[in-house]
Amino acid sequence: MDVEPDAEDVRPTTLTRMALDIAEGVAYLHSQHLIHRDIACRNCLVGPDRTVKIGDFGLTREVTKNDAEGYYRFTRNYFQFDEFPNL
């Protein structure tokens, strides 16, 4: 696999833009009532201009109004702030 010579010299602003591209893609999917279920680096396609697109929709599921309430699961936080006095 060929890697660009400056592939490791990604600026924080570029990484932030890439993260925003992913977040916007997920928001779009959710607006279409779709849950990707496998957002990972291996499923993010990076273009020459370093824009990111989400790929691999094999685990995507449509969430209808009827099953939306049962789909999401929330768990309690495992750590409390008093456990980390230096934060």
N, C-alpha and C. Protein backbone atom coordinates (compact mmCIF):
# COMPACT_ATOMS: atom_id res chain seq x y z
N MET A 1 0.85 -1.17 0.00
CA MET A 1 0.00 0.00 0.00
C MET A 1 0.89 1.24 0.00
N ASP A 2 0.64 2.12 -0.93
CA ASP A 2 1.39 3.37 -1.00
C ASP A 2 0.80 4.39 -0.04
N VAL A 3 1.66 5.06 0.67
CA VAL A 3 1.23 6.09 1.61
C VAL A 3 1.85 7.40 1.19
N GLU A 4 1.05 8.45 1.23
CA GLU A 4 1.59 9.77 0.90
C GLU A 4 2.74 10.10 1.84
N PRO A 5 3.77 10.81 1.33
CA PRO A 5 4.89 11.17 2.21
C PRO A 5 4.46 11.99 3.41
N ASP A 6 3.44 12.82 3.24
CA ASP A 6 3.00 13.67 4.36
C ASP A 6 1.76 13.11 5.05
N ALA A 7 1.51 11.81 4.89
CA ALA A 7 0.29 11.22 5.45
C ALA A 7 0.24 11.35 6.97
N GLU A 8 1.37 11.37 7.62
CA GLU A 8 1.38 11.47 9.08
C GLU A 8 1.37 12.91 9.55
N ASP A 9 1.50 13.85 8.64
CA ASP A 9 1.52 15.26 9.00
C ASP A 9 0.14 15.89 8.83
N VAL A 10 -0.85 15.32 9.48
CA VAL A 10 -2.21 15.83 9.38
C VAL A 10 -2.42 16.84 10.50
N ARG A 11 -2.81 18.03 10.13
CA ARG A 11 -2.98 19.10 11.11
C ARG A 11 -4.25 18.86 11.93
N PRO A 12 -4.29 19.36 13.15
CA PRO A 12 -5.48 19.22 13.99
C PRO A 12 -6.74 19.78 13.32
N THR A 13 -6.61 20.87 12.58
CA THR A 13 -7.78 21.43 11.91
C THR A 13 -8.30 20.48 10.83
N THR A 14 -7.39 19.77 10.17
CA THR A 14 -7.81 18.80 9.16
C THR A 14 -8.51 17.62 9.82
N LEU A 15 -7.97 17.14 10.94
CA LEU A 15 -8.61 16.04 11.67
C LEU A 15 -9.99 16.45 12.16
N THR A 16 -10.11 17.69 12.62
CA THR A 16 -11.41 18.18 13.08
C THR A 16 -12.40 18.21 11.93
N ARG A 17 -11.96 18.68 10.76
CA ARG A 17 -12.82 18.72 9.58
C ARG A 17 -13.25 17.31 9.19
N MET A 18 -12.33 16.36 9.28
CA MET A 18 -12.64 14.97 8.95
C MET A 18 -13.68 14.41 9.93
N ALA A 19 -13.52 14.72 11.21
CA ALA A 19 -14.49 14.27 12.21
C ALA A 19 -15.86 14.89 11.95
N LEU A 20 -15.86 16.16 11.54
CA LEU A 20 -17.14 16.81 11.21
C LEU A 20 -17.78 16.18 9.99
N ASP A 21 -17.00 15.80 9.00
CA ASP A 21 -17.55 15.10 7.83
C ASP A 21 -18.26 13.82 8.26
N ILE A 22 -17.64 13.08 9.16
CA ILE A 22 -18.24 11.83 9.65
C ILE A 22 -19.52 12.14 10.42
N ALA A 23 -19.46 13.13 11.31
CA ALA A 23 -20.64 13.49 12.10
C ALA A 23 -21.79 13.95 11.20
N GLU A 24 -21.47 14.73 10.17
CA GLU A 24 -22.52 15.18 9.24
C GLU A 24 -23.10 14.00 8.47
N GLY A 25 -22.26 13.03 8.12
CA GLY A 25 -22.76 11.84 7.44
C GLY A 25 -23.68 11.03 8.32
N VAL A 26 -23.31 10.87 9.59
CA VAL A 26 -24.16 10.14 10.53
C VAL A 26 -25.47 10.89 10.75
N ALA A 27 -25.40 12.21 10.87
CA ALA A 27 -26.62 13.01 11.05
C ALA A 27 -27.54 12.85 9.84
N TYR A 28 -26.96 12.82 8.65
CA TYR A 28 -27.78 12.64 7.45
C TYR A 28 -28.46 11.26 7.48
N LEU A 29 -27.69 10.22 7.80
CA LEU A 29 -28.28 8.89 7.88
C LEU A 29 -29.42 8.84 8.88
N HIS A 30 -29.23 9.46 10.03
CA HIS A 30 -30.28 9.47 11.05
C HIS A 30 -31.50 10.25 10.57
N SER A 31 -31.28 11.31 9.79
CA SER A 31 -32.42 12.06 9.26
C SER A 31 -33.22 11.22 8.26
N GLN A 32 -32.58 10.20 7.70
CA GLN A 32 -33.24 9.28 6.77
C GLN A 32 -33.75 8.03 7.50
N HIS A 33 -33.71 8.06 8.84
CA HIS A 33 -34.16 6.96 9.70
C HIS A 33 -33.31 5.70 9.50
N LEU A 34 -32.01 5.90 9.32
CA LEU A 34 -31.08 4.79 9.16
C LEU A 34 -30.04 4.83 10.27
N ILE A 35 -29.68 3.65 10.78
CA ILE A 35 -28.62 3.50 11.77
C ILE A 35 -27.52 2.67 11.11
N HIS A 36 -26.32 3.22 11.02
CA HIS A 36 -25.22 2.55 10.32
C HIS A 36 -24.76 1.31 11.07
N ARG A 37 -24.57 1.39 12.35
CA ARG A 37 -24.20 0.31 13.26
C ARG A 37 -22.77 -0.20 13.12
N ASP A 38 -21.93 0.43 12.29
CA ASP A 38 -20.53 0.01 12.19
C ASP A 38 -19.65 1.18 11.77
N ILE A 39 -19.81 2.31 12.45
CA ILE A 39 -18.94 3.45 12.15
C ILE A 39 -17.57 3.14 12.73
N ALA A 40 -16.60 3.01 11.87
CA ALA A 40 -15.22 2.70 12.28
C ALA A 40 -14.29 3.26 11.21
N CYS A 41 -13.04 3.43 11.56
CA CYS A 41 -12.06 3.95 10.59
C CYS A 41 -12.05 3.12 9.31
N ARG A 42 -12.19 1.82 9.44
CA ARG A 42 -12.14 0.96 8.26
C ARG A 42 -13.30 1.22 7.31
N ASN A 43 -14.35 1.88 7.78
CA ASN A 43 -15.52 2.17 6.95
C ASN A 43 -15.61 3.63 6.55
N CYS A 44 -14.56 4.37 6.76
CA CYS A 44 -14.51 5.79 6.37
C CYS A 44 -13.56 5.93 5.19
N LEU A 45 -14.08 6.44 4.10
CA LEU A 45 -13.31 6.59 2.87
C LEU A 45 -12.79 8.02 2.79
N VAL A 46 -11.49 8.17 2.64
CA VAL A 46 -10.86 9.49 2.62
C VAL A 46 -10.46 9.81 1.18
N GLY A 47 -10.96 10.94 0.68
CA GLY A 47 -10.65 11.37 -0.67
C GLY A 47 -9.33 12.11 -0.75
N PRO A 48 -8.89 12.44 -1.97
CA PRO A 48 -7.61 13.13 -2.15
C PRO A 48 -7.57 14.49 -1.45
N ASP A 49 -8.73 15.12 -1.32
CA ASP A 49 -8.78 16.42 -0.62
C ASP A 49 -9.08 16.24 0.87
N ARG A 50 -8.97 14.99 1.33
CA ARG A 50 -9.18 14.60 2.73
C ARG A 50 -10.60 14.81 3.22
N THR A 51 -11.56 14.79 2.32
CA THR A 51 -12.95 14.72 2.74
C THR A 51 -13.25 13.26 3.07
N VAL A 52 -14.14 13.04 4.02
CA VAL A 52 -14.43 11.68 4.47
C VAL A 52 -15.88 11.35 4.13
N LYS A 53 -16.06 10.16 3.59
CA LYS A 53 -17.39 9.64 3.30
C LYS A 53 -17.53 8.30 4.01
N ILE A 54 -18.73 8.03 4.48
CA ILE A 54 -19.00 6.78 5.18
C ILE A 54 -19.32 5.70 4.16
N GLY A 55 -18.76 4.52 4.37
CA GLY A 55 -19.02 3.39 3.48
C GLY A 55 -19.45 2.16 4.25
N ASP A 56 -19.60 1.05 3.55
CA ASP A 56 -19.97 -0.25 4.10
C ASP A 56 -21.28 -0.18 4.88
N PHE A 57 -22.36 -0.26 4.16
CA PHE A 57 -23.68 -0.17 4.76
C PHE A 57 -24.30 -1.54 5.02
N GLY A 58 -23.46 -2.56 5.13
CA GLY A 58 -23.95 -3.92 5.31
C GLY A 58 -24.72 -4.14 6.60
N LEU A 59 -24.40 -3.41 7.65
CA LEU A 59 -25.10 -3.58 8.93
C LEU A 59 -26.15 -2.49 9.17
N THR A 60 -26.37 -1.64 8.19
CA THR A 60 -27.31 -0.53 8.35
C THR A 60 -28.72 -1.07 8.57
N ARG A 61 -29.43 -0.40 9.44
CA ARG A 61 -30.80 -0.81 9.75
C ARG A 61 -31.71 0.40 9.70
N GLU A 62 -32.88 0.21 9.12
CA GLU A 62 -33.88 1.27 9.12
C GLU A 62 -34.61 1.24 10.45
N VAL A 63 -34.75 2.40 11.05
CA VAL A 63 -35.45 2.51 12.33
C VAL A 63 -36.74 3.27 12.08
N THR A 64 -37.84 2.58 12.29
CA THR A 64 -39.14 3.22 12.11
C THR A 64 -39.59 3.84 13.41
N LYS A 65 -40.64 4.62 13.33
CA LYS A 65 -41.16 5.28 14.52
C LYS A 65 -41.57 4.25 15.57
N ASN A 66 -42.08 3.11 15.15
CA ASN A 66 -42.56 2.09 16.08
C ASN A 66 -41.44 1.44 16.89
N ASP A 67 -40.28 1.23 16.27
CA ASP A 67 -39.22 0.54 17.02
C ASP A 67 -38.11 1.47 17.49
N ALA A 68 -38.24 2.77 17.29
CA ALA A 68 -37.20 3.72 17.70
C ALA A 68 -37.00 3.72 19.21
N GLU A 69 -38.08 3.62 19.97
CA GLU A 69 -37.96 3.66 21.44
C GLU A 69 -37.20 2.47 21.98
N GLY A 70 -37.38 1.31 21.40
CA GLY A 70 -36.71 0.11 21.89
C GLY A 70 -35.32 -0.10 21.34
N TYR A 71 -34.94 0.69 20.34
CA TYR A 71 -33.64 0.46 19.71
C TYR A 71 -32.48 1.01 20.53
N TYR A 72 -32.64 2.19 21.07
CA TYR A 72 -31.55 2.83 21.80
C TYR A 72 -31.48 2.30 23.22
N ARG A 73 -30.25 2.05 23.68
CA ARG A 73 -30.04 1.60 25.06
C ARG A 73 -29.12 2.58 25.75
N PHE A 74 -29.47 2.92 26.96
CA PHE A 74 -28.65 3.83 27.74
C PHE A 74 -28.17 3.10 28.98
N THR A 75 -26.90 3.28 29.30
CA THR A 75 -26.36 2.67 30.50
C THR A 75 -25.89 3.77 31.43
N ARG A 76 -25.79 3.45 32.69
CA ARG A 76 -25.34 4.46 33.64
C ARG A 76 -23.84 4.65 33.47
N ASN A 77 -23.36 5.80 33.86
CA ASN A 77 -21.93 6.07 33.77
C ASN A 77 -21.18 5.17 34.74
N TYR A 78 -20.07 4.62 34.28
CA TYR A 78 -19.29 3.74 35.13
C TYR A 78 -18.35 4.50 36.05
N PHE A 79 -18.01 5.73 35.68
CA PHE A 79 -17.10 6.52 36.50
C PHE A 79 -17.80 7.78 36.97
N GLN A 80 -17.50 8.15 38.18
CA GLN A 80 -18.02 9.41 38.70
C GLN A 80 -16.84 10.35 38.84
N PHE A 81 -17.12 11.65 38.73
CA PHE A 81 -16.04 12.62 38.75
C PHE A 81 -15.25 12.59 40.05
N ASP A 82 -15.87 12.24 41.17
CA ASP A 82 -15.12 12.21 42.42
C ASP A 82 -14.08 11.08 42.44
N GLU A 83 -14.15 10.15 41.49
CA GLU A 83 -13.14 9.11 41.39
C GLU A 83 -11.87 9.62 40.73
N PHE A 84 -11.96 10.80 40.08
CA PHE A 84 -10.82 11.39 39.40
C PHE A 84 -10.59 12.79 39.95
N PRO A 85 -9.91 12.90 41.08
CA PRO A 85 -9.76 14.21 41.73
C PRO A 85 -8.94 15.22 40.92
N ASN A 86 -8.12 14.77 39.98
CA ASN A 86 -7.27 15.69 39.22
C ASN A 86 -7.95 16.28 37.99
N LEU A 87 -9.19 15.92 37.72
CA LEU A 87 -9.87 16.46 36.54
C LEU A 87 -10.48 17.80 36.81
